Amino acid sequence: MALLVATGLVVATVGTACGSSEVGSSGDTGYVSGKGVITRLAETDRVEPGRVAGTTIDGEPISLADYAGKTVVVNVWGSWCPPCRAETPDLVAAARELRADDVAFLGINSRDLNQAAARAFVRRFEVPYPSIYDQQGETLLAFSGTLTPNSIPSTVVVDDEGRVAASVLGQVSKSTLVGLVEDVQAG
């Protein structure tokens, strides 16, 4: 793994995502699709995202800065997105497994028409972590260069120093996400 980290970037295809199978294609779905492309950054290439903050789907203020010193998995989702619904059980299982390793999860609910739809999704899938309600997709701008404002679903791993360490454009599985987080924590 050290050889791969030394290259600064590892890209692998691990699944499918919303809409068409081309990364960067929005077709008529209204969002960018992905193929589960994983990007992992060497420690020397990591940078802090912009400000990730807002109000949760329950109306409480929250910020990525609230998790300073922890590895944080940030997942971008919408209740209207079929691959988001498909990956959520894996994200919930990963969140429960990684809790013992002091890993936090934060969702960004993007473009749901109202918070009620987002709350129903969270209840249905028993999501144990908070999500920022980001109807306009503006919070995603904090990950400029990593994600596009329409990257749904997507997942970013932020290391314990607050820097973007890895991302997955498209649907992610539990095993892939757990392995990615473990790699980030191992350095």
Protein backbone atom coordinates (compact mmCIF):
# COMPACT_ATOMS: atom_id res chain seq x y z
CA MET A 1 0.00 0.00 0.00
CA ALA A 2 2.91 2.37 0.63
CA LEU A 3 3.78 2.28 -3.07
CA LEU A 4 0.24 3.31 -3.96
CA VAL A 5 0.24 6.12 -1.42
CA ALA A 6 3.55 7.35 -2.82
CA THR A 7 1.93 7.89 -6.19
CA GLY A 8 -0.42 10.34 -4.52
CA LEU A 9 -3.52 9.02 -6.16
CA VAL A 10 -5.24 5.67 -6.43
CA VAL A 11 -8.20 5.33 -8.72
CA ALA A 12 -10.39 2.25 -8.91
CA THR A 13 -13.81 1.50 -10.21
CA VAL A 14 -16.04 -0.21 -7.67
CA GLY A 15 -19.66 0.23 -8.63
CA THR A 16 -22.29 2.31 -10.34
CA ALA A 17 -24.12 5.49 -9.45
CA CYS A 18 -27.10 7.64 -10.35
CA GLY A 19 -28.12 7.97 -13.98
CA SER A 20 -25.74 7.11 -16.77
CA SER A 21 -22.45 5.38 -16.23
CA GLU A 22 -20.23 8.29 -17.23
CA VAL A 23 -18.58 10.47 -14.59
CA GLY A 24 -19.50 14.06 -15.24
CA SER A 25 -22.64 13.26 -17.19
CA SER A 26 -25.90 14.68 -15.95
CA GLY A 27 -28.14 13.59 -18.83
CA ASP A 28 -31.64 14.56 -17.80
CA THR A 29 -31.31 13.33 -14.20
CA GLY A 30 -30.34 16.73 -12.78
CA TYR A 31 -27.20 15.45 -11.09
CA VAL A 32 -23.76 14.17 -12.00
CA SER A 33 -23.43 10.43 -12.10
CA GLY A 34 -20.37 8.47 -11.14
CA LYS A 35 -18.97 4.98 -11.35
CA GLY A 36 -17.78 4.63 -7.77
CA VAL A 37 -14.42 6.18 -8.65
CA ILE A 38 -12.15 6.27 -5.61
CA THR A 39 -9.50 8.96 -5.19
CA ARG A 40 -7.02 8.67 -2.32
CA LEU A 41 -4.56 11.47 -1.63
CA ALA A 42 -1.10 11.15 -0.16
CA GLU A 43 -0.69 13.11 3.07
CA THR A 44 1.42 15.74 1.29
CA ASP A 45 -1.37 16.38 -1.25
CA ARG A 46 -4.21 16.85 1.23
CA VAL A 47 -5.88 20.22 1.77
CA GLU A 48 -8.64 21.44 4.03
CA PRO A 49 -12.03 21.87 2.43
CA GLY A 50 -13.83 25.18 2.57
CA ARG A 51 -16.31 25.87 5.35
CA VAL A 52 -18.68 22.93 5.81
CA ALA A 53 -21.45 24.16 8.06
CA GLY A 54 -25.16 24.69 8.14
CA THR A 55 -28.33 23.57 9.79
CA THR A 56 -29.25 19.92 10.23
CA ILE A 57 -32.45 18.47 8.82
CA ASP A 58 -33.77 18.88 12.39
CA GLY A 59 -32.87 22.59 12.50
CA GLU A 60 -29.75 22.42 14.67
CA PRO A 61 -26.49 24.23 13.76
CA ILE A 62 -23.63 21.91 12.79
CA SER A 63 -20.17 22.21 11.31
CA LEU A 64 -17.37 19.94 10.19
CA ALA A 65 -15.26 21.90 12.68
CA ASP A 66 -17.37 20.30 15.45
CA TYR A 67 -15.45 17.08 14.74
CA ALA A 68 -11.91 18.52 15.00
CA GLY A 69 -9.31 15.83 15.68
CA LYS A 70 -11.46 13.00 14.29
CA THR A 71 -11.58 11.22 10.98
CA VAL A 72 -14.90 12.22 9.41
CA VAL A 73 -16.85 10.54 6.64
CA VAL A 74 -18.99 13.09 4.79
CA ASN A 75 -21.71 11.58 2.60
CA VAL A 76 -23.70 13.60 0.07
CA TRP A 77 -27.19 12.23 -0.48
CA GLY A 78 -30.76 12.99 -1.45
CA SER A 79 -33.89 11.06 -0.59
CA TRP A 80 -34.87 11.24 -4.27
CA CYS A 81 -31.66 9.47 -5.46
CA PRO A 82 -31.97 5.67 -6.04
CA PRO A 83 -28.23 4.93 -5.53
CA CYS A 84 -28.35 6.96 -2.30
CA ARG A 85 -31.12 4.70 -1.05
CA ALA A 86 -29.12 1.65 -2.17
CA GLU A 87 -25.91 2.69 -0.37
CA THR A 88 -27.47 3.94 2.88
CA PRO A 89 -27.65 0.54 4.64
CA ASP A 90 -23.90 0.12 3.97
CA LEU A 91 -23.18 3.64 5.28
CA VAL A 92 -25.22 2.97 8.42
CA ALA A 93 -23.36 -0.32 9.01
CA ALA A 94 -19.98 1.37 8.41
CA ALA A 95 -20.87 4.20 10.82
CA ARG A 96 -21.73 1.71 13.54
CA GLU A 97 -18.58 -0.35 12.94
CA LEU A 98 -16.22 2.63 12.77
CA ARG A 99 -17.68 4.38 15.83
CA ALA A 100 -15.31 2.31 18.00
CA ASP A 101 -12.38 3.78 16.01
CA ASP A 102 -13.53 7.34 16.85
CA VAL A 103 -14.74 7.99 13.28
CA ALA A 104 -17.59 10.46 12.88
CA PHE A 105 -20.10 10.59 10.04
CA LEU A 106 -21.80 13.70 8.68
CA GLY A 107 -24.34 13.75 5.89
CA ILE A 108 -25.08 16.53 3.46
CA ASN A 109 -28.66 16.24 2.25
CA SER A 110 -28.68 17.90 -1.13
CA ARG A 111 -31.62 19.27 -3.07
CA ASP A 112 -34.50 17.68 -1.21
CA LEU A 113 -37.49 20.01 -1.59
CA ASN A 114 -38.09 20.06 2.14
CA GLN A 115 -36.66 18.79 5.39
CA ALA A 116 -39.61 16.45 5.94
CA ALA A 117 -38.52 14.26 3.01
CA ALA A 118 -34.99 14.12 4.41
CA ARG A 119 -36.22 13.28 7.92
CA ALA A 120 -38.43 10.48 6.54
CA PHE A 121 -35.40 9.03 4.73
CA VAL A 122 -33.31 9.14 7.93
CA ARG A 123 -36.09 7.43 9.91
CA ARG A 124 -36.65 4.77 7.24
CA PHE A 125 -32.97 3.80 7.10
CA GLU A 126 -32.24 4.47 10.80
CA VAL A 127 -29.33 6.77 9.94
CA PRO A 128 -27.41 7.34 13.21
CA TYR A 129 -25.57 10.53 12.22
CA PRO A 130 -26.67 14.12 11.50
CA SER A 131 -27.03 15.66 8.06
CA ILE A 132 -26.78 19.26 6.92
CA TYR A 133 -29.86 20.32 4.98
CA ASP A 134 -28.44 21.82 1.77
CA GLN A 135 -31.37 22.30 -0.58
CA GLN A 136 -29.38 24.41 -3.05
CA GLY A 137 -26.20 22.29 -2.99
CA GLU A 138 -24.10 25.23 -1.76
CA THR A 139 -22.31 23.26 0.97
CA LEU A 140 -20.74 21.09 -1.73
CA LEU A 141 -18.78 24.13 -2.90
CA ALA A 142 -16.56 23.59 0.15
CA PHE A 143 -15.27 20.50 -1.66
CA SER A 144 -14.44 22.34 -4.89
CA GLY A 145 -11.79 20.38 -6.74
CA THR A 146 -12.94 17.17 -5.05
CA LEU A 147 -16.67 17.15 -5.85
CA THR A 148 -18.90 19.04 -8.23
CA PRO A 149 -22.01 20.75 -6.85
CA ASN A 150 -24.10 17.93 -8.34
CA SER A 151 -22.03 14.93 -7.16
CA ILE A 152 -24.76 12.73 -5.70
CA PRO A 153 -24.13 10.30 -4.15
CA SER A 154 -20.57 10.94 -3.14
CA THR A 155 -18.48 10.41 -0.04
CA VAL A 156 -15.43 12.27 1.26
CA VAL A 157 -13.09 11.09 4.02
CA VAL A 158 -11.56 13.94 6.01
CA ASP A 159 -8.51 12.99 8.06
CA ASP A 160 -7.98 13.85 11.73
CA GLU A 161 -6.17 17.05 10.69
CA GLY A 162 -9.24 18.28 8.83
CA ARG A 163 -7.90 17.62 5.33
CA VAL A 164 -9.58 15.82 2.43
CA ALA A 165 -7.88 12.41 2.30
CA ALA A 166 -10.13 10.46 -0.06
CA SER A 167 -13.34 10.62 -2.05
CA VAL A 168 -15.74 8.29 -3.80
CA LEU A 169 -17.85 9.63 -6.66
CA GLY A 170 -20.87 7.40 -6.82
CA GLN A 171 -22.28 4.65 -4.66
CA VAL A 172 -19.95 3.17 -2.05
CA SER A 173 -20.07 -0.21 -0.31
CA LYS A 174 -19.44 -0.82 3.38
CA SER A 175 -16.29 -2.85 2.78
CA THR A 176 -14.81 -0.23 0.45
CA LEU A 177 -15.60 2.60 2.85
CA VAL A 178 -14.29 0.81 5.95
CA GLY A 179 -11.09 -0.12 4.10
CA LEU A 180 -10.63 3.44 2.85
CA VAL A 181 -11.09 4.90 6.34
CA GLU A 182 -8.68 2.37 7.82
CA ASP A 183 -6.08 3.28 5.16
CA VAL A 184 -6.52 6.99 5.91
CA GLN A 185 -6.15 6.41 9.65
CA ALA A 186 -3.05 4.25 9.11
CA GLY A 187 -1.43 7.08 7.14
